[in-house]
Amino acid sequence: MGALGAARTVFGPVTLLTTTLSALIVPYLAQSRADTPRARLRAAGAAVALTVGVLLPLVIVVCLLPDEVGRAVLGDNWQAARPLLPLLSVEALLEPIALVAFAGHRVQSAGARALAIGVLLGPLRIATIVAGGVLFGAAGAAGALAVLALLSAACWWLSYRRLNATPADSR
């Protein structure tokens, strides 16, 4: 699993930028709190587009790092980490999508719903990553992270859409 840790180290700048952007998402979504549900969803969609648009070039740069740079950053771990970068890039790009929907839950004071999703996804995340790692090594754990990022984004967005459903949407 050292390869996974090394590969995630290369994504450090992406993680730092995601964390920085997450601090801006809640206030941005809070501006549309009193708006219609459709307007709230549009604002969240714009936040996703902006966040992914900002992160995508950096993720591409990380995935295309020359071997010389990778070895300079990670030393001998670079050989083991390099094949994991595409799978971790999927996670890096899906994480902010889930993050925006989570922020939307916070803005709309849907703490119980957010807690329920967290309770559901937390143990599943641990079990899936461990199983992926045990069965398929670092690549399995990285693949599990990518699949879980997709599942997380889907869960958070389905919940956020339901939270913003209008009576006309439920027909």
N, C-alpha and C. Protein backbone atom coordinates (compact mmCIF):
# COMPACT_ATOMS: atom_id res chain seq x y z
N MET A 1 0.81 -1.20 0.00
CA MET A 1 0.00 0.00 0.00
C MET A 1 0.86 1.26 0.00
N GLY A 2 2.16 1.09 0.10
CA GLY A 2 3.05 2.23 0.01
C GLY A 2 2.93 2.93 -1.33
N ALA A 3 2.65 2.15 -2.37
CA ALA A 3 2.48 2.74 -3.71
C ALA A 3 1.28 3.67 -3.73
N LEU A 4 0.21 3.26 -3.05
CA LEU A 4 -0.99 4.11 -3.01
C LEU A 4 -0.70 5.40 -2.26
N GLY A 5 -0.01 5.29 -1.14
CA GLY A 5 0.35 6.50 -0.38
C GLY A 5 1.25 7.41 -1.18
N ALA A 6 2.19 6.82 -1.91
CA ALA A 6 3.09 7.62 -2.74
C ALA A 6 2.32 8.32 -3.86
N ALA A 7 1.43 7.59 -4.50
CA ALA A 7 0.64 8.18 -5.59
C ALA A 7 -0.24 9.31 -5.06
N ARG A 8 -0.81 9.11 -3.89
CA ARG A 8 -1.65 10.17 -3.32
C ARG A 8 -0.82 11.39 -2.93
N THR A 9 0.45 11.18 -2.61
CA THR A 9 1.34 12.30 -2.32
C THR A 9 1.50 13.19 -3.54
N VAL A 10 1.58 12.59 -4.71
CA VAL A 10 1.71 13.36 -5.94
C VAL A 10 0.48 14.23 -6.16
N PHE A 11 -0.67 13.75 -5.68
CA PHE A 11 -1.91 14.52 -5.82
C PHE A 11 -2.08 15.55 -4.71
N GLY A 12 -1.05 15.76 -3.90
CA GLY A 12 -1.12 16.74 -2.82
C GLY A 12 -1.58 18.12 -3.26
N PRO A 13 -1.03 18.67 -4.34
CA PRO A 13 -1.51 20.00 -4.77
C PRO A 13 -2.99 20.01 -5.16
N VAL A 14 -3.45 18.92 -5.76
CA VAL A 14 -4.87 18.83 -6.12
C VAL A 14 -5.72 18.80 -4.86
N THR A 15 -5.30 18.03 -3.87
CA THR A 15 -6.02 17.94 -2.61
C THR A 15 -6.05 19.29 -1.90
N LEU A 16 -4.92 19.98 -1.91
CA LEU A 16 -4.86 21.30 -1.29
C LEU A 16 -5.81 22.28 -1.97
N LEU A 17 -5.85 22.25 -3.29
CA LEU A 17 -6.76 23.13 -4.03
C LEU A 17 -8.22 22.76 -3.76
N THR A 18 -8.52 21.47 -3.70
CA THR A 18 -9.88 21.03 -3.40
C THR A 18 -10.31 21.52 -2.02
N THR A 19 -9.42 21.41 -1.05
CA THR A 19 -9.72 21.87 0.31
C THR A 19 -9.97 23.38 0.33
N THR A 20 -9.15 24.10 -0.41
CA THR A 20 -9.32 25.55 -0.48
C THR A 20 -10.65 25.92 -1.12
N LEU A 21 -10.98 25.25 -2.23
CA LEU A 21 -12.23 25.53 -2.91
C LEU A 21 -13.44 25.15 -2.05
N SER A 22 -13.30 24.08 -1.26
CA SER A 22 -14.43 23.66 -0.43
C SER A 22 -14.81 24.74 0.58
N ALA A 23 -13.84 25.51 1.04
CA ALA A 23 -14.14 26.59 1.97
C ALA A 23 -14.94 27.70 1.30
N LEU A 24 -14.88 27.77 -0.02
CA LEU A 24 -15.61 28.81 -0.74
C LEU A 24 -16.98 28.34 -1.22
N ILE A 25 -17.19 27.04 -1.27
CA ILE A 25 -18.43 26.49 -1.83
C ILE A 25 -19.62 26.78 -0.92
N VAL A 26 -19.47 26.58 0.38
CA VAL A 26 -20.60 26.80 1.30
C VAL A 26 -21.10 28.24 1.22
N PRO A 27 -20.23 29.25 1.32
CA PRO A 27 -20.76 30.62 1.21
C PRO A 27 -21.39 30.91 -0.16
N TYR A 28 -20.83 30.31 -1.21
CA TYR A 28 -21.40 30.51 -2.54
C TYR A 28 -22.81 29.92 -2.61
N LEU A 29 -22.98 28.69 -2.13
CA LEU A 29 -24.30 28.07 -2.16
C LEU A 29 -25.27 28.75 -1.21
N ALA A 30 -24.76 29.31 -0.12
CA ALA A 30 -25.63 29.99 0.84
C ALA A 30 -26.30 31.21 0.21
N GLN A 31 -25.68 31.78 -0.80
CA GLN A 31 -26.29 32.94 -1.48
C GLN A 31 -27.61 32.57 -2.16
N SER A 32 -27.74 31.29 -2.56
CA SER A 32 -28.96 30.89 -3.26
C SER A 32 -29.92 30.12 -2.35
N ARG A 33 -29.67 30.14 -1.06
CA ARG A 33 -30.49 29.38 -0.12
C ARG A 33 -31.97 29.76 -0.20
N ALA A 34 -32.26 31.02 -0.34
CA ALA A 34 -33.66 31.48 -0.36
C ALA A 34 -34.27 31.38 -1.75
N ASP A 35 -33.50 31.02 -2.74
CA ASP A 35 -34.00 30.92 -4.12
C ASP A 35 -34.86 29.67 -4.29
N THR A 36 -35.34 29.51 -5.50
CA THR A 36 -36.14 28.32 -5.82
C THR A 36 -35.24 27.09 -5.84
N PRO A 37 -35.83 25.91 -5.71
CA PRO A 37 -35.02 24.68 -5.78
C PRO A 37 -34.21 24.58 -7.07
N ARG A 38 -34.81 24.95 -8.18
CA ARG A 38 -34.07 24.90 -9.45
C ARG A 38 -32.87 25.85 -9.44
N ALA A 39 -33.06 27.01 -8.86
CA ALA A 39 -31.95 27.97 -8.78
C ALA A 39 -30.84 27.43 -7.88
N ARG A 40 -31.21 26.77 -6.80
CA ARG A 40 -30.20 26.16 -5.92
C ARG A 40 -29.43 25.07 -6.66
N LEU A 41 -30.14 24.26 -7.43
CA LEU A 41 -29.46 23.20 -8.20
C LEU A 41 -28.57 23.80 -9.29
N ARG A 42 -29.02 24.88 -9.91
CA ARG A 42 -28.17 25.55 -10.92
C ARG A 42 -26.91 26.11 -10.28
N ALA A 43 -27.06 26.71 -9.11
CA ALA A 43 -25.88 27.25 -8.41
C ALA A 43 -24.92 26.12 -8.05
N ALA A 44 -25.45 25.00 -7.59
CA ALA A 44 -24.59 23.86 -7.26
C ALA A 44 -23.93 23.31 -8.52
N GLY A 45 -24.67 23.26 -9.60
CA GLY A 45 -24.09 22.79 -10.87
C GLY A 45 -22.97 23.71 -11.34
N ALA A 46 -23.16 24.99 -11.17
CA ALA A 46 -22.10 25.95 -11.54
C ALA A 46 -20.87 25.76 -10.66
N ALA A 47 -21.09 25.50 -9.37
CA ALA A 47 -19.96 25.26 -8.47
C ALA A 47 -19.20 24.00 -8.87
N VAL A 48 -19.92 22.96 -9.28
CA VAL A 48 -19.27 21.73 -9.75
C VAL A 48 -18.46 22.02 -11.00
N ALA A 49 -19.07 22.70 -11.96
CA ALA A 49 -18.37 22.99 -13.21
C ALA A 49 -17.11 23.80 -12.97
N LEU A 50 -17.21 24.80 -12.13
CA LEU A 50 -16.05 25.63 -11.83
C LEU A 50 -14.97 24.83 -11.11
N THR A 51 -15.36 24.06 -10.12
CA THR A 51 -14.39 23.29 -9.33
C THR A 51 -13.68 22.26 -10.21
N VAL A 52 -14.44 21.50 -10.96
CA VAL A 52 -13.83 20.49 -11.84
C VAL A 52 -13.00 21.18 -12.92
N GLY A 53 -13.49 22.29 -13.43
CA GLY A 53 -12.74 23.03 -14.44
C GLY A 53 -11.40 23.54 -13.94
N VAL A 54 -11.36 23.94 -12.68
CA VAL A 54 -10.10 24.40 -12.08
C VAL A 54 -9.16 23.23 -11.81
N LEU A 55 -9.73 22.10 -11.35
CA LEU A 55 -8.90 20.96 -10.98
C LEU A 55 -8.41 20.14 -12.18
N LEU A 56 -9.20 20.08 -13.23
CA LEU A 56 -8.87 19.21 -14.37
C LEU A 56 -7.48 19.46 -14.95
N PRO A 57 -7.09 20.69 -15.21
CA PRO A 57 -5.73 20.89 -15.75
C PRO A 57 -4.63 20.40 -14.80
N LEU A 58 -4.82 20.61 -13.52
CA LEU A 58 -3.83 20.16 -12.55
C LEU A 58 -3.77 18.64 -12.48
N VAL A 59 -4.93 18.00 -12.55
CA VAL A 59 -4.98 16.53 -12.54
C VAL A 59 -4.28 15.97 -13.79
N ILE A 60 -4.51 16.61 -14.93
CA ILE A 60 -3.85 16.17 -16.16
C ILE A 60 -2.34 16.32 -16.04
N VAL A 61 -1.90 17.43 -15.49
CA VAL A 61 -0.46 17.64 -15.30
C VAL A 61 0.12 16.55 -14.41
N VAL A 62 -0.57 16.22 -13.33
CA VAL A 62 -0.08 15.17 -12.42
C VAL A 62 0.01 13.83 -13.16
N CYS A 63 -1.00 13.50 -13.94
CA CYS A 63 -0.99 12.23 -14.66
C CYS A 63 0.08 12.17 -15.74
N LEU A 64 0.48 13.31 -16.25
CA LEU A 64 1.48 13.34 -17.31
C LEU A 64 2.88 13.72 -16.83
N LEU A 65 3.10 13.64 -15.53
CA LEU A 65 4.42 13.98 -14.99
C LEU A 65 5.50 13.14 -15.66
N PRO A 66 6.56 13.78 -16.09
CA PRO A 66 7.68 13.00 -16.64
C PRO A 66 8.31 12.14 -15.54
N ASP A 67 8.90 11.04 -15.94
CA ASP A 67 9.52 10.13 -14.98
C ASP A 67 10.58 10.84 -14.13
N GLU A 68 11.31 11.77 -14.73
CA GLU A 68 12.36 12.47 -13.98
C GLU A 68 11.76 13.25 -12.80
N VAL A 69 10.64 13.90 -13.04
CA VAL A 69 9.98 14.67 -11.98
C VAL A 69 9.40 13.72 -10.94
N GLY A 70 8.76 12.66 -11.41
CA GLY A 70 8.19 11.69 -10.48
C GLY A 70 9.24 11.07 -9.58
N ARG A 71 10.39 10.72 -10.16
CA ARG A 71 11.47 10.16 -9.34
C ARG A 71 12.03 11.21 -8.39
N ALA A 72 12.08 12.45 -8.83
CA ALA A 72 12.59 13.51 -7.95
C ALA A 72 11.66 13.71 -6.75
N VAL A 73 10.36 13.55 -6.96
CA VAL A 73 9.39 13.74 -5.89
C VAL A 73 9.28 12.50 -4.99
N LEU A 74 9.24 11.32 -5.61
CA LEU A 74 8.95 10.10 -4.85
C LEU A 74 10.11 9.11 -4.77
N GLY A 75 11.18 9.38 -5.46
CA GLY A 75 12.31 8.44 -5.44
C GLY A 75 11.93 7.12 -6.08
N ASP A 76 12.35 6.02 -5.46
CA ASP A 76 12.08 4.69 -6.01
C ASP A 76 10.60 4.32 -5.96
N ASN A 77 9.81 5.00 -5.17
CA ASN A 77 8.37 4.72 -5.12
C ASN A 77 7.64 5.13 -6.40
N TRP A 78 8.27 5.95 -7.22
CA TRP A 78 7.63 6.44 -8.44
C TRP A 78 7.19 5.29 -9.35
N GLN A 79 8.02 4.27 -9.49
CA GLN A 79 7.68 3.14 -10.37
C GLN A 79 6.38 2.47 -9.92
N ALA A 80 6.19 2.33 -8.64
CA ALA A 80 4.98 1.68 -8.13
C ALA A 80 3.79 2.63 -8.15
N ALA A 81 4.04 3.92 -7.98
CA ALA A 81 2.94 4.90 -7.89
C ALA A 81 2.40 5.30 -9.26
N ARG A 82 3.25 5.37 -10.25
CA ARG A 82 2.85 5.88 -11.57
C ARG A 82 1.61 5.19 -12.16
N PRO A 83 1.52 3.85 -12.12
CA PRO A 83 0.33 3.21 -12.71
C PRO A 83 -0.97 3.53 -11.98
N LEU A 84 -0.90 4.02 -10.77
CA LEU A 84 -2.10 4.32 -9.98
C LEU A 84 -2.66 5.71 -10.27
N LEU A 85 -1.89 6.55 -10.93
CA LEU A 85 -2.32 7.94 -11.13
C LEU A 85 -3.63 8.07 -11.90
N PRO A 86 -3.87 7.31 -12.96
CA PRO A 86 -5.17 7.47 -13.65
C PRO A 86 -6.37 7.15 -12.76
N LEU A 87 -6.26 6.10 -11.95
CA LEU A 87 -7.38 5.76 -11.05
C LEU A 87 -7.57 6.84 -9.99
N LEU A 88 -6.48 7.35 -9.47
CA LEU A 88 -6.60 8.41 -8.46
C LEU A 88 -7.08 9.72 -9.07
N SER A 89 -6.83 9.91 -10.36
CA SER A 89 -7.34 11.13 -11.01
C SER A 89 -8.86 11.09 -11.08
N VAL A 90 -9.43 9.90 -11.27
CA VAL A 90 -10.89 9.77 -11.26
C VAL A 90 -11.43 10.20 -9.90
N GLU A 91 -10.80 9.69 -8.85
CA GLU A 91 -11.21 10.08 -7.50
C GLU A 91 -11.07 11.60 -7.30
N ALA A 92 -9.95 12.15 -7.75
CA ALA A 92 -9.69 13.58 -7.55
C ALA A 92 -10.72 14.45 -8.26
N LEU A 93 -11.25 13.99 -9.38
CA LEU A 93 -12.23 14.78 -10.11
C LEU A 93 -13.67 14.54 -9.64
N LEU A 94 -13.93 13.37 -9.07
CA LEU A 94 -15.28 13.10 -8.56
C LEU A 94 -15.49 13.61 -7.14
N GLU A 95 -14.42 13.71 -6.38
CA GLU A 95 -14.53 14.18 -4.99
C GLU A 95 -15.18 15.56 -4.89
N PRO A 96 -14.79 16.53 -5.71
CA PRO A 96 -15.45 17.84 -5.56
C PRO A 96 -16.92 17.82 -5.96
N ILE A 97 -17.31 16.88 -6.80
CA ILE A 97 -18.72 16.78 -7.17
C ILE A 97 -19.54 16.40 -5.93
N ALA A 98 -19.05 15.40 -5.21
CA ALA A 98 -19.72 15.01 -3.96
C ALA A 98 -19.64 16.13 -2.93
N LEU A 99 -18.51 16.81 -2.91
CA LEU A 99 -18.29 17.89 -1.95
C LEU A 99 -19.32 19.01 -2.11
N VAL A 100 -19.64 19.36 -3.34
CA VAL A 100 -20.62 20.43 -3.59
C VAL A 100 -22.00 20.00 -3.08
N ALA A 101 -22.39 18.77 -3.37
CA ALA A 101 -23.69 18.31 -2.90
C ALA A 101 -23.73 18.23 -1.38
N PHE A 102 -22.62 17.81 -0.76
CA PHE A 102 -22.54 17.80 0.70
C PHE A 102 -22.69 19.22 1.24
N ALA A 103 -22.00 20.16 0.62
CA ALA A 103 -22.11 21.56 1.04
C ALA A 103 -23.55 22.05 0.91
N GLY A 104 -24.22 21.63 -0.14
CA GLY A 104 -25.63 21.98 -0.32
C GLY A 104 -26.49 21.47 0.83
N HIS A 105 -26.20 20.26 1.30
CA HIS A 105 -26.92 19.72 2.46
C HIS A 105 -26.68 20.61 3.69
N ARG A 106 -25.43 21.01 3.87
CA ARG A 106 -25.10 21.87 5.02
C ARG A 106 -25.85 23.18 4.95
N VAL A 107 -25.87 23.79 3.77
CA VAL A 107 -26.53 25.09 3.60
C VAL A 107 -28.02 24.98 3.89
N GLN A 108 -28.62 23.86 3.51
CA GLN A 108 -30.05 23.69 3.71
C GLN A 108 -30.39 23.02 5.05
N SER A 109 -29.42 22.96 5.93
CA SER A 109 -29.61 22.41 7.27
C SER A 109 -30.19 20.99 7.24
N ALA A 110 -29.65 20.18 6.36
CA ALA A 110 -30.10 18.78 6.24
C ALA A 110 -29.08 17.88 6.92
N GLY A 111 -28.77 18.19 8.17
CA GLY A 111 -27.76 17.46 8.90
C GLY A 111 -28.08 15.99 9.11
N ALA A 112 -29.33 15.67 9.40
CA ALA A 112 -29.71 14.27 9.62
C ALA A 112 -29.52 13.45 8.34
N ARG A 113 -29.89 14.03 7.24
CA ARG A 113 -29.73 13.35 5.95
C ARG A 113 -28.25 13.17 5.65
N ALA A 114 -27.45 14.19 5.88
CA ALA A 114 -26.02 14.11 5.63
C ALA A 114 -25.37 13.05 6.53
N LEU A 115 -25.81 13.01 7.78
CA LEU A 115 -25.28 12.00 8.70
C LEU A 115 -25.63 10.60 8.23
N ALA A 116 -26.85 10.41 7.77
CA ALA A 116 -27.27 9.09 7.28
C ALA A 116 -26.42 8.65 6.09
N ILE A 117 -26.15 9.56 5.19
CA ILE A 117 -25.32 9.23 4.03
C ILE A 117 -23.90 8.88 4.49
N GLY A 118 -23.37 9.67 5.41
CA GLY A 118 -22.04 9.40 5.95
C GLY A 118 -21.95 8.06 6.64
N VAL A 119 -22.98 7.72 7.41
CA VAL A 119 -23.01 6.43 8.11
C VAL A 119 -23.08 5.28 7.11
N LEU A 120 -23.76 5.49 6.02
CA LEU A 120 -23.85 4.47 4.97
C LEU A 120 -22.53 4.33 4.21
N LEU A 121 -21.96 5.45 3.80
CA LEU A 121 -20.76 5.41 2.95
C LEU A 121 -19.47 5.12 3.71
N GLY A 122 -19.38 5.53 4.96
CA GLY A 122 -18.13 5.36 5.72
C GLY A 122 -17.67 3.91 5.83
N PRO A 123 -18.49 3.04 6.41
CA PRO A 123 -18.07 1.63 6.52
C PRO A 123 -17.89 0.97 5.15
N LEU A 124 -18.75 1.34 4.20
CA LEU A 124 -18.62 0.78 2.85
C LEU A 124 -17.28 1.17 2.24
N ARG A 125 -16.88 2.40 2.48
CA ARG A 125 -15.60 2.88 1.96
C ARG A 125 -14.44 2.07 2.54
N ILE A 126 -14.45 1.89 3.84
CA ILE A 126 -13.37 1.14 4.49
C ILE A 126 -13.33 -0.29 3.97
N ALA A 127 -14.48 -0.95 3.97
CA ALA A 127 -14.52 -2.36 3.54
C ALA A 127 -14.10 -2.52 2.09
N THR A 128 -14.53 -1.63 1.23
CA THR A 128 -14.22 -1.76 -0.19
C THR A 128 -12.74 -1.51 -0.46
N ILE A 129 -12.18 -0.52 0.16
CA ILE A 129 -10.76 -0.22 -0.05
C ILE A 129 -9.89 -1.35 0.49
N VAL A 130 -10.23 -1.84 1.66
CA VAL A 130 -9.45 -2.95 2.23
C VAL A 130 -9.59 -4.18 1.34
N ALA A 131 -10.80 -4.51 0.93
CA ALA A 131 -11.00 -5.69 0.07
C ALA A 131 -10.26 -5.52 -1.26
N GLY A 132 -10.35 -4.35 -1.85
CA GLY A 132 -9.63 -4.10 -3.10
C GLY A 132 -8.13 -4.25 -2.93
N GLY A 133 -7.62 -3.74 -1.81
CA GLY A 133 -6.19 -3.84 -1.54
C GLY A 133 -5.75 -5.27 -1.29
N VAL A 134 -6.53 -6.02 -0.53
CA VAL A 134 -6.18 -7.40 -0.22
C VAL A 134 -6.24 -8.27 -1.49
N LEU A 135 -7.28 -8.08 -2.28
CA LEU A 135 -7.47 -8.93 -3.46
C LEU A 135 -6.58 -8.54 -4.64
N PHE A 136 -6.37 -7.25 -4.84
CA PHE A 136 -5.69 -6.80 -6.05
C PHE A 136 -4.52 -5.85 -5.79
N GLY A 137 -4.10 -5.72 -4.55
CA GLY A 137 -2.97 -4.88 -4.22
C GLY A 137 -3.30 -3.39 -4.32
N ALA A 138 -2.28 -2.60 -4.55
CA ALA A 138 -2.45 -1.15 -4.60
C ALA A 138 -3.39 -0.72 -5.72
N ALA A 139 -3.33 -1.42 -6.85
CA ALA A 139 -4.22 -1.08 -7.96
C ALA A 139 -5.68 -1.34 -7.57
N GLY A 140 -5.92 -2.40 -6.81
CA GLY A 140 -7.27 -2.69 -6.34
C GLY A 140 -7.78 -1.64 -5.38
N ALA A 141 -6.91 -1.18 -4.50
CA ALA A 141 -7.31 -0.13 -3.56
C ALA A 141 -7.57 1.18 -4.30
N ALA A 142 -6.72 1.50 -5.28
CA ALA A 142 -6.92 2.72 -6.07
C ALA A 142 -8.21 2.62 -6.89
N GLY A 143 -8.46 1.45 -7.45
CA GLY A 143 -9.71 1.25 -8.18
C GLY A 143 -10.91 1.38 -7.27
N ALA A 144 -10.79 0.86 -6.05
CA ALA A 144 -11.87 0.99 -5.08
C ALA A 144 -12.13 2.46 -4.75
N LEU A 145 -11.06 3.23 -4.62
CA LEU A 145 -11.22 4.67 -4.35
C LEU A 145 -11.98 5.35 -5.49
N ALA A 146 -11.67 4.98 -6.72
CA ALA A 146 -12.35 5.57 -7.88
C ALA A 146 -13.83 5.18 -7.89
N VAL A 147 -14.11 3.90 -7.66
CA VAL A 147 -15.51 3.43 -7.65
C VAL A 147 -16.27 4.10 -6.51
N LEU A 148 -15.65 4.20 -5.36
CA LEU A 148 -16.31 4.83 -4.22
C LEU A 148 -16.53 6.32 -4.43
N ALA A 149 -15.63 6.97 -5.13
CA ALA A 149 -15.83 8.38 -5.45
C ALA A 149 -17.06 8.54 -6.34
N LEU A 150 -17.21 7.63 -7.28
CA LEU A 150 -18.39 7.67 -8.16
C LEU A 150 -19.66 7.41 -7.35
N LEU A 151 -19.63 6.40 -6.50
CA LEU A 151 -20.78 6.07 -5.66
C LEU A 151 -21.11 7.23 -4.72
N SER A 152 -20.10 7.83 -4.13
CA SER A 152 -20.30 8.94 -3.22
C SER A 152 -20.93 10.13 -3.94
N ALA A 153 -20.37 10.47 -5.10
CA ALA A 153 -20.93 11.59 -5.87
C ALA A 153 -22.39 11.32 -6.23
N ALA A 154 -22.68 10.09 -6.64
CA ALA A 154 -24.06 9.74 -7.01
C ALA A 154 -24.98 9.83 -5.80
N CYS A 155 -24.56 9.29 -4.67
CA CYS A 155 -25.41 9.32 -3.46
C CYS A 155 -25.69 10.75 -3.02
N TRP A 156 -24.63 11.55 -2.94
CA TRP A 156 -24.80 12.93 -2.48
C TRP A 156 -25.69 13.71 -3.43
N TRP A 157 -25.52 13.53 -4.74
CA TRP A 157 -26.32 14.29 -5.69
C TRP A 157 -27.76 13.81 -5.76
N LEU A 158 -27.97 12.51 -5.67
CA LEU A 158 -29.36 12.02 -5.64
C LEU A 158 -30.09 12.59 -4.41
N SER A 159 -29.40 12.59 -3.29
CA SER A 159 -29.99 13.14 -2.08
C SER A 159 -30.24 14.64 -2.22
N TYR A 160 -29.28 15.34 -2.79
CA TYR A 160 -29.43 16.79 -2.94
C TYR A 160 -30.56 17.13 -3.91
N ARG A 161 -30.70 16.35 -4.95
CA ARG A 161 -31.82 16.57 -5.88
C ARG A 161 -33.15 16.33 -5.18
N ARG A 162 -33.21 15.28 -4.38
CA ARG A 162 -34.45 15.01 -3.65
C ARG A 162 -34.73 16.11 -2.63
N LEU A 163 -33.68 16.62 -2.02
CA LEU A 163 -33.83 17.70 -1.05
C LEU A 163 -34.40 18.94 -1.73
N ASN A 164 -34.10 19.11 -3.00
CA ASN A 164 -34.55 20.27 -3.76
C ASN A 164 -35.70 19.95 -4.69
N ALA A 165 -36.33 18.81 -4.50
CA ALA A 165 -37.44 18.44 -5.37
C ALA A 165 -38.62 19.36 -5.14
N THR A 166 -39.22 19.77 -6.20
CA THR A 166 -40.45 20.57 -6.12
C THR A 166 -41.64 19.61 -6.26
N PRO A 167 -42.82 20.04 -5.88
CA PRO A 167 -43.99 19.15 -6.05
C PRO A 167 -44.15 18.69 -7.49
N ALA A 168 -43.80 19.52 -8.45
CA ALA A 168 -43.91 19.13 -9.86
C ALA A 168 -42.91 18.03 -10.20
N ASP A 169 -41.76 18.00 -9.51
CA ASP A 169 -40.74 16.98 -9.76
C ASP A 169 -41.16 15.61 -9.28
N SER A 170 -42.05 15.56 -8.30
CA SER A 170 -42.40 14.28 -7.71
C SER A 170 -43.53 13.56 -8.45
N ARG A 171 -44.07 14.19 -9.52
CA ARG A 171 -45.15 13.55 -10.28
C ARG A 171 -44.65 12.42 -11.11
